[in-house]
């Protein structure tokens, strides 16, 4: 490799080396309607049949939730 592909970061950094960031939260936020229905369906199946209840795929397809 002859050259660096890494761009220099912002010049203004905090005293601990971090870059100040502004975080914006969406409002309202929460699960989509499909996830709410899927969770309600699993809860209803648990109430009616007891554990265990198996699902074929993830009902919440966001790995951070």
Protein backbone atom coordinates (compact mmCIF):
# COMPACT_ATOMS: atom_id res chain seq x y z
CA UNK A 1 0.00 0.00 0.00
CA UNK A 2 1.57 3.24 -1.09
CA UNK A 3 -0.78 5.78 0.45
CA UNK A 4 -3.10 6.04 3.40
CA UNK A 5 -6.84 5.90 2.80
CA UNK A 6 -7.60 7.19 6.29
CA UNK A 7 -8.85 10.76 6.38
CA UNK A 8 -7.85 12.92 9.32
CA UNK A 9 -10.62 13.48 11.84
CA UNK A 10 -12.04 16.81 12.98
CA UNK A 11 -9.48 19.15 14.46
CA UNK A 12 -11.61 20.14 17.45
CA UNK A 13 -11.70 17.37 20.01
CA UNK A 14 -12.64 17.25 23.66
CA UNK A 15 -10.01 17.08 26.38
CA UNK A 16 -10.34 13.28 26.50
CA UNK A 17 -9.84 12.85 22.73
CA UNK A 18 -13.49 12.39 21.86
CA UNK A 19 -15.37 14.33 19.24
CA UNK A 20 -18.43 16.21 20.56
CA UNK A 21 -21.63 14.87 19.02
CA UNK A 22 -25.25 15.93 18.97
CA UNK A 23 -27.71 13.05 19.37
CA UNK A 24 -31.22 13.52 17.99
CA UNK A 25 -34.00 11.23 19.20
CA UNK A 26 -37.05 10.70 17.05
CA UNK A 27 -40.40 11.31 18.68
CA UNK A 28 -42.52 9.33 18.93
CA UNK A 29 -40.29 6.30 18.94
CA UNK A 30 -40.90 2.65 19.66
CA UNK A 31 -41.68 -0.57 17.89
CA UNK A 32 -43.42 -0.58 14.53
CA UNK A 33 -47.00 -1.85 14.41
CA UNK A 34 -45.89 -5.22 13.01
CA UNK A 35 -43.57 -5.85 15.94
CA UNK A 36 -46.25 -4.82 18.44
CA UNK A 37 -48.71 -7.30 16.85
CA UNK A 38 -46.08 -10.07 16.81
CA UNK A 39 -45.22 -9.57 20.49
CA UNK A 40 -48.94 -9.52 21.38
CA UNK A 41 -49.44 -12.77 19.42
CA UNK A 42 -46.59 -14.48 21.28
CA UNK A 43 -47.92 -13.24 24.63
CA UNK A 44 -51.42 -14.52 23.72
CA UNK A 45 -49.98 -17.92 22.73
CA UNK A 46 -48.10 -18.11 26.04
CA UNK A 47 -51.26 -17.24 27.98
CA UNK A 48 -53.32 -19.83 26.12
CA UNK A 49 -50.85 -22.71 25.71
CA UNK A 50 -48.05 -22.00 28.20
CA UNK A 51 -44.34 -22.21 27.55
CA UNK A 52 -42.49 -22.96 25.42
CA UNK A 53 -43.70 -21.04 22.38
CA UNK A 54 -41.51 -21.21 19.29
CA UNK A 55 -41.40 -18.73 16.40
CA UNK A 56 -39.97 -19.41 12.96
CA UNK A 57 -38.10 -16.11 12.55
CA UNK A 58 -37.13 -13.12 14.68
CA UNK A 59 -40.14 -11.10 15.71
CA UNK A 60 -37.97 -8.05 16.36
CA UNK A 61 -35.53 -7.74 13.48
CA UNK A 62 -33.39 -4.99 14.97
CA UNK A 63 -30.30 -6.45 16.63
CA UNK A 64 -29.96 -3.44 18.95
CA UNK A 65 -33.39 -3.93 20.56
